[in-house]
Full PDB file with SEQRES, HELIX, SHEET, SSBOND, CRYST1, ORIGX, SCALE, CONECT and MASTER records, all heavy atoms in Angstrom:
SEQRES   1 A   37  GLY ASP GLY TYR THR THR PHE ASN PRO PRO VAL ALA ASP          
SEQRES   2 A   37  LEU THR SER ALA LYS VAL SER THR GLN LEU ALA PRO GLN          
SEQRES   3 A   37  LEU ILE ARG THR VAL HIS LYS GLY ARG THR SER                  
HELIX    1 AA1 ALA A   17  SER A   20  1                                   4    
HELIX    2 AA2 ALA A   24  LYS A   33  1                                  10    
CRYST1    1.000    1.000    1.000  90.00  90.00  90.00 P 1           1          
ORIGX1      1.000000  0.000000  0.000000        0.00000                         
ORIGX2      0.000000  1.000000  0.000000        0.00000                         
ORIGX3      0.000000  0.000000  1.000000        0.00000                         
SCALE1      1.000000  0.000000  0.000000        0.00000                         
SCALE2      0.000000  1.000000  0.000000        0.00000                         
SCALE3      0.000000  0.000000  1.000000        0.00000                         
ATOM      1  N   GLY A   1     -67.404 -64.671 -12.209  1.00  0.00           N  
ATOM      2  CA  GLY A   1     -66.400 -64.729 -11.225  1.00  0.00           C  
ATOM      3  C   GLY A   1     -65.321 -63.698 -11.313  1.00  0.00           C  
ATOM      4  O   GLY A   1     -64.252 -63.864 -10.759  1.00  0.00           O  
ATOM      5  N   ASP A   2     -65.849 -62.658 -11.944  1.00  0.00           N  
ATOM      6  CA  ASP A   2     -64.871 -61.494 -12.262  1.00  0.00           C  
ATOM      7  C   ASP A   2     -65.303 -60.263 -11.408  1.00  0.00           C  
ATOM      8  O   ASP A   2     -65.186 -59.120 -12.026  1.00  0.00           O  
ATOM      9  CB  ASP A   2     -64.715 -61.265 -13.721  1.00  0.00           C  
ATOM     10  CG  ASP A   2     -66.028 -60.927 -14.338  1.00  0.00           C  
ATOM     11  OD1 ASP A   2     -67.149 -61.110 -13.734  1.00  0.00           O  
ATOM     12  OD2 ASP A   2     -66.070 -60.625 -15.593  1.00  0.00           O  
ATOM     13  N   GLY A   3     -65.804 -60.459 -10.230  1.00  0.00           N  
ATOM     14  CA  GLY A   3     -66.131 -59.198  -9.479  1.00  0.00           C  
ATOM     15  C   GLY A   3     -64.986 -58.420  -9.066  1.00  0.00           C  
ATOM     16  O   GLY A   3     -63.745 -58.811  -9.315  1.00  0.00           O  
ATOM     17  N   TYR A   4     -65.179 -57.288  -8.452  1.00  0.00           N  
ATOM     18  CA  TYR A   4     -64.126 -56.384  -8.022  1.00  0.00           C  
ATOM     19  C   TYR A   4     -63.245 -56.823  -6.773  1.00  0.00           C  
ATOM     20  O   TYR A   4     -62.347 -56.293  -6.443  1.00  0.00           O  
ATOM     21  CB  TYR A   4     -64.526 -54.961  -7.971  1.00  0.00           C  
ATOM     22  CG  TYR A   4     -65.585 -54.743  -6.941  1.00  0.00           C  
ATOM     23  CD1 TYR A   4     -65.197 -54.503  -5.616  1.00  0.00           C  
ATOM     24  CD2 TYR A   4     -66.980 -54.581  -7.366  1.00  0.00           C  
ATOM     25  CE1 TYR A   4     -66.218 -54.147  -4.654  1.00  0.00           C  
ATOM     26  CE2 TYR A   4     -68.029 -54.266  -6.379  1.00  0.00           C  
ATOM     27  CZ  TYR A   4     -67.533 -54.095  -5.028  1.00  0.00           C  
ATOM     28  OH  TYR A   4     -68.500 -53.778  -4.119  1.00  0.00           O  
ATOM     29  N   THR A   5     -63.872 -57.833  -6.132  1.00  0.00           N  
ATOM     30  CA  THR A   5     -63.117 -58.364  -4.960  1.00  0.00           C  
ATOM     31  C   THR A   5     -62.580 -59.678  -5.432  1.00  0.00           C  
ATOM     32  O   THR A   5     -63.076 -60.417  -6.302  1.00  0.00           O  
ATOM     33  CB  THR A   5     -64.060 -58.735  -3.849  1.00  0.00           C  
ATOM     34  OG1 THR A   5     -65.149 -59.498  -4.169  1.00  0.00           O  
ATOM     35  CG2 THR A   5     -64.657 -57.375  -3.219  1.00  0.00           C  
ATOM     36  N   THR A   6     -61.365 -60.098  -4.999  1.00  0.00           N  
ATOM     37  CA  THR A   6     -60.760 -61.296  -5.340  1.00  0.00           C  
ATOM     38  C   THR A   6     -60.390 -62.081  -4.150  1.00  0.00           C  
ATOM     39  O   THR A   6     -60.116 -61.618  -3.025  1.00  0.00           O  
ATOM     40  CB  THR A   6     -59.398 -61.017  -6.166  1.00  0.00           C  
ATOM     41  OG1 THR A   6     -58.507 -60.217  -5.364  1.00  0.00           O  
ATOM     42  CG2 THR A   6     -59.765 -60.359  -7.432  1.00  0.00           C  
ATOM     43  N   PHE A   7     -60.371 -63.443  -4.391  1.00  0.00           N  
ATOM     44  CA  PHE A   7     -60.126 -64.303  -3.229  1.00  0.00           C  
ATOM     45  C   PHE A   7     -59.204 -65.486  -3.759  1.00  0.00           C  
ATOM     46  O   PHE A   7     -59.237 -65.725  -4.918  1.00  0.00           O  
ATOM     47  CB  PHE A   7     -61.431 -64.960  -2.767  1.00  0.00           C  
ATOM     48  CG  PHE A   7     -62.384 -63.958  -2.200  1.00  0.00           C  
ATOM     49  CD1 PHE A   7     -63.396 -63.389  -2.975  1.00  0.00           C  
ATOM     50  CD2 PHE A   7     -62.258 -63.405  -0.939  1.00  0.00           C  
ATOM     51  CE1 PHE A   7     -64.234 -62.414  -2.512  1.00  0.00           C  
ATOM     52  CE2 PHE A   7     -63.097 -62.561  -0.364  1.00  0.00           C  
ATOM     53  CZ  PHE A   7     -64.151 -61.968  -1.173  1.00  0.00           C  
ATOM     54  N   ASN A   8     -58.659 -66.251  -2.675  1.00  0.00           N  
ATOM     55  CA  ASN A   8     -57.927 -67.463  -3.028  1.00  0.00           C  
ATOM     56  C   ASN A   8     -58.466 -68.511  -2.155  1.00  0.00           C  
ATOM     57  O   ASN A   8     -58.335 -68.399  -0.957  1.00  0.00           O  
ATOM     58  CB  ASN A   8     -56.373 -67.183  -2.765  1.00  0.00           C  
ATOM     59  CG  ASN A   8     -55.566 -68.330  -3.256  1.00  0.00           C  
ATOM     60  OD1 ASN A   8     -56.096 -69.223  -3.966  1.00  0.00           O  
ATOM     61  ND2 ASN A   8     -54.341 -68.250  -2.908  1.00  0.00           N  
ATOM     62  N   PRO A   9     -59.098 -69.515  -2.728  1.00  0.00           N  
ATOM     63  CA  PRO A   9     -59.273 -69.819  -4.107  1.00  0.00           C  
ATOM     64  C   PRO A   9     -60.291 -68.823  -4.729  1.00  0.00           C  
ATOM     65  O   PRO A   9     -61.127 -68.216  -4.008  1.00  0.00           O  
ATOM     66  CB  PRO A   9     -59.870 -71.214  -4.140  1.00  0.00           C  
ATOM     67  CG  PRO A   9     -60.502 -71.480  -2.821  1.00  0.00           C  
ATOM     68  CD  PRO A   9     -59.806 -70.454  -1.829  1.00  0.00           C  
ATOM     69  N   PRO A  10     -60.226 -68.686  -5.972  1.00  0.00           N  
ATOM     70  CA  PRO A  10     -61.138 -67.680  -6.804  1.00  0.00           C  
ATOM     71  C   PRO A  10     -62.660 -68.146  -6.491  1.00  0.00           C  
ATOM     72  O   PRO A  10     -63.042 -69.285  -6.288  1.00  0.00           O  
ATOM     73  CB  PRO A  10     -60.759 -67.864  -8.241  1.00  0.00           C  
ATOM     74  CG  PRO A  10     -59.511 -68.539  -8.171  1.00  0.00           C  
ATOM     75  CD  PRO A  10     -59.338 -69.392  -6.936  1.00  0.00           C  
ATOM     76  N   VAL A  11     -63.481 -67.165  -6.730  1.00  0.00           N  
ATOM     77  CA  VAL A  11     -64.973 -67.418  -6.629  1.00  0.00           C  
ATOM     78  C   VAL A  11     -65.363 -68.327  -7.770  1.00  0.00           C  
ATOM     79  O   VAL A  11     -64.727 -68.124  -8.836  1.00  0.00           O  
ATOM     80  CB  VAL A  11     -65.746 -66.148  -6.438  1.00  0.00           C  
ATOM     81  CG1 VAL A  11     -65.398 -65.350  -5.103  1.00  0.00           C  
ATOM     82  CG2 VAL A  11     -65.627 -65.200  -7.664  1.00  0.00           C  
ATOM     83  N   ALA A  12     -66.516 -68.908  -7.693  1.00  0.00           N  
ATOM     84  CA  ALA A  12     -67.012 -69.714  -8.754  1.00  0.00           C  
ATOM     85  C   ALA A  12     -67.548 -68.780  -9.945  1.00  0.00           C  
ATOM     86  O   ALA A  12     -68.110 -67.729  -9.724  1.00  0.00           O  
ATOM     87  CB  ALA A  12     -68.234 -70.522  -8.256  1.00  0.00           C  
ATOM     88  N   ASP A  13     -67.324 -69.333 -11.106  1.00  0.00           N  
ATOM     89  CA  ASP A  13     -67.982 -68.848 -12.357  1.00  0.00           C  
ATOM     90  C   ASP A  13     -69.268 -69.494 -12.334  1.00  0.00           C  
ATOM     91  O   ASP A  13     -69.421 -70.622 -12.573  1.00  0.00           O  
ATOM     92  CB  ASP A  13     -67.086 -69.202 -13.474  1.00  0.00           C  
ATOM     93  CG  ASP A  13     -67.721 -68.863 -14.831  1.00  0.00           C  
ATOM     94  OD1 ASP A  13     -68.941 -68.398 -14.910  1.00  0.00           O  
ATOM     95  OD2 ASP A  13     -66.950 -68.983 -15.933  1.00  0.00           O  
ATOM     96  N   LEU A  14     -70.283 -68.668 -12.114  1.00  0.00           N  
ATOM     97  CA  LEU A  14     -71.717 -69.154 -12.134  1.00  0.00           C  
ATOM     98  C   LEU A  14     -72.320 -69.505 -13.411  1.00  0.00           C  
ATOM     99  O   LEU A  14     -73.387 -70.091 -13.487  1.00  0.00           O  
ATOM    100  CB  LEU A  14     -72.610 -68.204 -11.319  1.00  0.00           C  
ATOM    101  CG  LEU A  14     -72.113 -67.804  -9.865  1.00  0.00           C  
ATOM    102  CD1 LEU A  14     -73.020 -66.728  -9.174  1.00  0.00           C  
ATOM    103  CD2 LEU A  14     -72.105 -69.082  -8.994  1.00  0.00           C  
ATOM    104  N   THR A  15     -71.567 -69.232 -14.494  1.00  0.00           N  
ATOM    105  CA  THR A  15     -71.999 -69.597 -15.727  1.00  0.00           C  
ATOM    106  C   THR A  15     -71.370 -70.865 -16.251  1.00  0.00           C  
ATOM    107  O   THR A  15     -71.694 -71.340 -17.371  1.00  0.00           O  
ATOM    108  CB  THR A  15     -71.675 -68.552 -16.838  1.00  0.00           C  
ATOM    109  OG1 THR A  15     -70.256 -68.343 -16.994  1.00  0.00           O  
ATOM    110  CG2 THR A  15     -72.258 -67.149 -16.345  1.00  0.00           C  
ATOM    111  N   SER A  16     -70.449 -71.484 -15.428  1.00  0.00           N  
ATOM    112  CA  SER A  16     -69.765 -72.626 -15.850  1.00  0.00           C  
ATOM    113  C   SER A  16     -70.740 -73.959 -15.791  1.00  0.00           C  
ATOM    114  O   SER A  16     -71.794 -73.961 -15.205  1.00  0.00           O  
ATOM    115  CB  SER A  16     -68.549 -72.966 -14.883  1.00  0.00           C  
ATOM    116  OG  SER A  16     -69.121 -73.349 -13.548  1.00  0.00           O  
ATOM    117  N   ALA A  17     -70.241 -74.931 -16.627  1.00  0.00           N  
ATOM    118  CA  ALA A  17     -71.060 -76.170 -16.628  1.00  0.00           C  
ATOM    119  C   ALA A  17     -71.120 -76.878 -15.159  1.00  0.00           C  
ATOM    120  O   ALA A  17     -72.082 -77.398 -14.910  1.00  0.00           O  
ATOM    121  CB  ALA A  17     -70.399 -77.215 -17.598  1.00  0.00           C  
ATOM    122  N   LYS A  18     -70.022 -76.613 -14.440  1.00  0.00           N  
ATOM    123  CA  LYS A  18     -70.026 -77.283 -13.027  1.00  0.00           C  
ATOM    124  C   LYS A  18     -71.142 -76.657 -12.198  1.00  0.00           C  
ATOM    125  O   LYS A  18     -71.796 -77.455 -11.518  1.00  0.00           O  
ATOM    126  CB  LYS A  18     -68.693 -76.881 -12.458  1.00  0.00           C  
ATOM    127  CG  LYS A  18     -68.521 -77.473 -11.062  1.00  0.00           C  
ATOM    128  CD  LYS A  18     -67.158 -77.272 -10.484  1.00  0.00           C  
ATOM    129  CE  LYS A  18     -67.109 -77.757  -8.996  1.00  0.00           C  
ATOM    130  NZ  LYS A  18     -65.802 -77.510  -8.406  1.00  0.00           N  
ATOM    131  N   VAL A  19     -71.464 -75.322 -12.307  1.00  0.00           N  
ATOM    132  CA  VAL A  19     -72.513 -74.743 -11.518  1.00  0.00           C  
ATOM    133  C   VAL A  19     -73.811 -74.920 -12.137  1.00  0.00           C  
ATOM    134  O   VAL A  19     -74.879 -75.308 -11.560  1.00  0.00           O  
ATOM    135  CB  VAL A  19     -72.214 -73.259 -11.387  1.00  0.00           C  
ATOM    136  CG1 VAL A  19     -73.336 -72.590 -10.646  1.00  0.00           C  
ATOM    137  CG2 VAL A  19     -70.869 -73.006 -10.510  1.00  0.00           C  
ATOM    138  N   SER A  20     -73.960 -74.809 -13.494  1.00  0.00           N  
ATOM    139  CA  SER A  20     -75.196 -74.817 -14.185  1.00  0.00           C  
ATOM    140  C   SER A  20     -75.804 -76.176 -14.224  1.00  0.00           C  
ATOM    141  O   SER A  20     -76.981 -76.404 -14.374  1.00  0.00           O  
ATOM    142  CB  SER A  20     -75.077 -74.349 -15.599  1.00  0.00           C  
ATOM    143  OG  SER A  20     -74.313 -75.072 -16.314  1.00  0.00           O  
ATOM    144  N   THR A  21     -75.060 -77.219 -13.904  1.00  0.00           N  
ATOM    145  CA  THR A  21     -75.513 -78.651 -13.904  1.00  0.00           C  
ATOM    146  C   THR A  21     -75.989 -79.128 -12.549  1.00  0.00           C  
ATOM    147  O   THR A  21     -76.623 -80.180 -12.342  1.00  0.00           O  
ATOM    148  CB  THR A  21     -74.527 -79.713 -14.474  1.00  0.00           C  
ATOM    149  OG1 THR A  21     -73.354 -79.596 -13.686  1.00  0.00           O  
ATOM    150  CG2 THR A  21     -74.228 -79.413 -15.992  1.00  0.00           C  
ATOM    151  N   GLN A  22     -75.714 -78.240 -11.539  1.00  0.00           N  
ATOM    152  CA  GLN A  22     -76.198 -78.562 -10.173  1.00  0.00           C  
ATOM    153  C   GLN A  22     -77.701 -78.365 -10.111  1.00  0.00           C  
ATOM    154  O   GLN A  22     -78.244 -77.415 -10.694  1.00  0.00           O  
ATOM    155  CB  GLN A  22     -75.448 -77.668  -9.115  1.00  0.00           C  
ATOM    156  CG  GLN A  22     -74.072 -77.960  -9.004  1.00  0.00           C  
ATOM    157  CD  GLN A  22     -73.361 -77.185  -7.924  1.00  0.00           C  
ATOM    158  OE1 GLN A  22     -74.073 -76.823  -6.878  1.00  0.00           O  
ATOM    159  NE2 GLN A  22     -72.050 -76.915  -7.985  1.00  0.00           N  
ATOM    160  N   LEU A  23     -78.292 -79.113  -9.301  1.00  0.00           N  
ATOM    161  CA  LEU A  23     -79.746 -78.980  -9.075  1.00  0.00           C  
ATOM    162  C   LEU A  23     -80.028 -77.788  -8.204  1.00  0.00           C  
ATOM    163  O   LEU A  23     -79.182 -77.411  -7.359  1.00  0.00           O  
ATOM    164  CB  LEU A  23     -80.325 -80.300  -8.477  1.00  0.00           C  
ATOM    165  CG  LEU A  23     -80.191 -81.545  -9.321  1.00  0.00           C  
ATOM    166  CD1 LEU A  23     -80.736 -82.762  -8.552  1.00  0.00           C  
ATOM    167  CD2 LEU A  23     -80.871 -81.308 -10.643  1.00  0.00           C  
ATOM    168  N   ALA A  24     -81.248 -77.197  -8.374  1.00  0.00           N  
ATOM    169  CA  ALA A  24     -81.542 -76.018  -7.619  1.00  0.00           C  
ATOM    170  C   ALA A  24     -81.350 -76.258  -6.055  1.00  0.00           C  
ATOM    171  O   ALA A  24     -80.860 -75.436  -5.379  1.00  0.00           O  
ATOM    172  CB  ALA A  24     -82.946 -75.471  -7.835  1.00  0.00           C  
ATOM    173  N   PRO A  25     -81.759 -77.468  -5.519  1.00  0.00           N  
ATOM    174  CA  PRO A  25     -81.708 -77.581  -4.024  1.00  0.00           C  
ATOM    175  C   PRO A  25     -80.198 -77.592  -3.613  1.00  0.00           C  
ATOM    176  O   PRO A  25     -79.825 -77.126  -2.577  1.00  0.00           O  
ATOM    177  CB  PRO A  25     -82.245 -79.022  -3.836  1.00  0.00           C  
ATOM    178  CG  PRO A  25     -83.278 -79.214  -4.913  1.00  0.00           C  
ATOM    179  CD  PRO A  25     -82.711 -78.441  -6.086  1.00  0.00           C  
ATOM    180  N   GLN A  26     -79.243 -78.057  -4.529  1.00  0.00           N  
ATOM    181  CA  GLN A  26     -77.774 -78.039  -4.193  1.00  0.00           C  
ATOM    182  C   GLN A  26     -77.263 -76.552  -4.123  1.00  0.00           C  
ATOM    183  O   GLN A  26     -76.618 -76.175  -3.146  1.00  0.00           O  
ATOM    184  CB  GLN A  26     -76.986 -78.727  -5.223  1.00  0.00           C  
ATOM    185  CG  GLN A  26     -77.259 -80.169  -5.198  1.00  0.00           C  
ATOM    186  CD  GLN A  26     -76.468 -80.887  -6.509  1.00  0.00           C  
ATOM    187  OE1 GLN A  26     -76.787 -80.526  -7.500  1.00  0.00           O  
ATOM    188  NE2 GLN A  26     -75.636 -81.801  -6.165  1.00  0.00           N  
ATOM    189  N   LEU A  27     -77.798 -75.760  -4.907  1.00  0.00           N  
ATOM    190  CA  LEU A  27     -77.467 -74.408  -5.049  1.00  0.00           C  
ATOM    191  C   LEU A  27     -78.052 -73.617  -3.948  1.00  0.00           C  
ATOM    192  O   LEU A  27     -77.294 -72.795  -3.294  1.00  0.00           O  
ATOM    193  CB  LEU A  27     -77.753 -73.750  -6.414  1.00  0.00           C  
ATOM    194  CG  LEU A  27     -77.046 -74.223  -7.648  1.00  0.00           C  
ATOM    195  CD1 LEU A  27     -77.629 -73.665  -8.931  1.00  0.00           C  
ATOM    196  CD2 LEU A  27     -75.691 -73.897  -7.507  1.00  0.00           C  
ATOM    197  N   ILE A  28     -79.161 -73.907  -3.586  1.00  0.00           N  
ATOM    198  CA  ILE A  28     -79.789 -73.236  -2.472  1.00  0.00           C  
ATOM    199  C   ILE A  28     -79.146 -73.514  -1.176  1.00  0.00           C  
ATOM    200  O   ILE A  28     -78.867 -72.698  -0.378  1.00  0.00           O  
ATOM    201  CB  ILE A  28     -81.385 -73.600  -2.310  1.00  0.00           C  
ATOM    202  CG1 ILE A  28     -82.096 -72.942  -3.515  1.00  0.00           C  
ATOM    203  CG2 ILE A  28     -81.931 -73.299  -0.980  1.00  0.00           C  
ATOM    204  CD1 ILE A  28     -83.541 -73.520  -3.735  1.00  0.00           C  
ATOM    205  N   ARG A  29     -78.742 -74.728  -1.023  1.00  0.00           N  
ATOM    206  CA  ARG A  29     -77.927 -75.196   0.144  1.00  0.00           C  
ATOM    207  C   ARG A  29     -76.564 -74.407   0.243  1.00  0.00           C  
ATOM    208  O   ARG A  29     -76.245 -74.034   1.276  1.00  0.00           O  
ATOM    209  CB  ARG A  29     -77.708 -76.652   0.150  1.00  0.00           C  
ATOM    210  CG  ARG A  29     -76.889 -77.235   1.481  1.00  0.00           C  
ATOM    211  CD  ARG A  29     -76.832 -78.614   1.499  1.00  0.00           C  
ATOM    212  NE  ARG A  29     -76.015 -79.054   2.524  1.00  0.00           N  
ATOM    213  CZ  ARG A  29     -76.174 -78.979   3.859  1.00  0.00           C  
ATOM    214  NH1 ARG A  29     -77.213 -78.396   4.352  1.00  0.00           N  
ATOM    215  NH2 ARG A  29     -75.274 -79.384   4.714  1.00  0.00           N  
ATOM    216  N   THR A  30     -75.958 -74.316  -0.933  1.00  0.00           N  
ATOM    217  CA  THR A  30     -74.683 -73.601  -0.938  1.00  0.00           C  
ATOM    218  C   THR A  30     -74.902 -72.139  -0.531  1.00  0.00           C  
ATOM    219  O   THR A  30     -74.102 -71.592   0.222  1.00  0.00           O  
ATOM    220  CB  THR A  30     -74.127 -73.673  -2.292  1.00  0.00           C  
ATOM    221  OG1 THR A  30     -73.749 -75.006  -2.706  1.00  0.00           O  
ATOM    222  CG2 THR A  30     -72.888 -72.840  -2.510  1.00  0.00           C  
ATOM    223  N   VAL A  31     -75.827 -71.463  -0.932  1.00  0.00           N  
ATOM    224  CA  VAL A  31     -76.145 -70.108  -0.566  1.00  0.00           C  
ATOM    225  C   VAL A  31     -76.511 -70.030   0.753  1.00  0.00           C  
ATOM    226  O   VAL A  31     -76.039 -69.137   1.569  1.00  0.00           O  
ATOM    227  CB  VAL A  31     -77.289 -69.482  -1.428  1.00  0.00           C  
ATOM    228  CG1 VAL A  31     -77.546 -68.091  -1.016  1.00  0.00           C  
ATOM    229  CG2 VAL A  31     -76.741 -69.457  -2.922  1.00  0.00           C  
ATOM    230  N   HIS A  32     -77.318 -70.963   1.386  1.00  0.00           N  
ATOM    231  CA  HIS A  32     -77.763 -71.033   2.776  1.00  0.00           C  
ATOM    232  C   HIS A  32     -76.512 -71.138   3.666  1.00  0.00           C  
ATOM    233  O   HIS A  32     -76.340 -70.409   4.554  1.00  0.00           O  
ATOM    234  CB  HIS A  32     -78.814 -72.221   3.017  1.00  0.00           C  
ATOM    235  CG  HIS A  32     -80.068 -71.767   2.955  1.00  0.00           C  
ATOM    236  ND1 HIS A  32     -80.788 -71.108   4.037  1.00  0.00           N  
ATOM    237  CD2 HIS A  32     -81.097 -71.960   2.009  1.00  0.00           C  
ATOM    238  CE1 HIS A  32     -82.122 -70.937   3.703  1.00  0.00           C  
ATOM    239  NE2 HIS A  32     -82.163 -71.365   2.471  1.00  0.00           N  
ATOM    240  N   LYS A  33     -75.744 -72.278   3.349  1.00  0.00           N  
ATOM    241  CA  LYS A  33     -74.746 -72.671   4.316  1.00  0.00           C  
ATOM    242  C   LYS A  33     -73.325 -72.300   3.950  1.00  0.00           C  
ATOM    243  O   LYS A  33     -72.462 -72.461   4.792  1.00  0.00           O  
ATOM    244  CB  LYS A  33     -74.791 -74.208   4.387  1.00  0.00           C  
ATOM    245  CG  LYS A  33     -76.049 -74.761   4.822  1.00  0.00           C  
ATOM    246  CD  LYS A  33     -76.419 -74.387   6.311  1.00  0.00           C  
ATOM    247  CE  LYS A  33     -77.614 -75.125   6.838  1.00  0.00           C  
ATOM    248  NZ  LYS A  33     -78.004 -74.472   8.087  1.00  0.00           N  
ATOM    249  N   GLY A  34     -73.103 -71.776   2.717  1.00  0.00           N  
ATOM    250  CA  GLY A  34     -71.786 -71.373   2.332  1.00  0.00           C  
ATOM    251  C   GLY A  34     -70.903 -72.549   1.847  1.00  0.00           C  
ATOM    252  O   GLY A  34     -71.418 -73.723   1.854  1.00  0.00           O  
ATOM    253  N   ARG A  35     -69.740 -72.369   1.655  1.00  0.00           N  
ATOM    254  CA  ARG A  35     -68.720 -73.438   1.232  1.00  0.00           C  
ATOM    255  C   ARG A  35     -67.506 -73.277   2.118  1.00  0.00           C  
ATOM    256  O   ARG A  35     -66.896 -72.323   2.116  1.00  0.00           O  
ATOM    257  CB  ARG A  35     -68.329 -73.345  -0.167  1.00  0.00           C  
ATOM    258  CG  ARG A  35     -69.598 -73.598  -1.071  1.00  0.00           C  
ATOM    259  CD  ARG A  35     -69.156 -73.652  -2.533  1.00  0.00           C  
ATOM    260  NE  ARG A  35     -68.076 -74.605  -2.613  1.00  0.00           N  
ATOM    261  CZ  ARG A  35     -68.165 -75.698  -3.429  1.00  0.00           C  
ATOM    262  NH1 ARG A  35     -69.201 -75.861  -4.182  1.00  0.00           N  
ATOM    263  NH2 ARG A  35     -67.158 -76.578  -3.552  1.00  0.00           N  
ATOM    264  N   THR A  36     -67.196 -74.334   2.721  1.00  0.00           N  
ATOM    265  CA  THR A  36     -65.949 -74.345   3.590  1.00  0.00           C  
ATOM    266  C   THR A  36     -64.715 -74.187   2.719  1.00  0.00           C  
ATOM    267  O   THR A  36     -64.670 -74.565   1.575  1.00  0.00           O  
ATOM    268  CB  THR A  36     -65.817 -75.622   4.465  1.00  0.00           C  
ATOM    269  OG1 THR A  36     -65.767 -76.785   3.540  1.00  0.00           O  
ATOM    270  CG2 THR A  36     -66.840 -75.865   5.369  1.00  0.00           C  
ATOM    271  N   SER A  37     -63.762 -73.590   3.301  1.00  0.00           N  
ATOM    272  CA  SER A  37     -62.386 -73.392   2.651  1.00  0.00           C  
ATOM    273  C   SER A  37     -62.532 -72.512   1.456  1.00  0.00           C  
ATOM    274  O   SER A  37     -61.698 -72.499   0.524  1.00  0.00           O  
ATOM    275  CB  SER A  37     -61.742 -74.764   2.257  1.00  0.00           C  
ATOM    276  OG  SER A  37     -61.495 -75.434   3.468  1.00  0.00           O  
TER     277      SER A  37                                                      
MASTER        0    0    0    2    0    0    0    6  276    1    0    3          
END                                                                             
């Protein structure tokens, strides 16, 4: 989550437990459809 662009809210840390415990279909959907707000 430490890329050279910054946002509010901050981007996800993809190494976090919150992300790593998501199932692949959930992550695929997030990439496909994005995340609101």
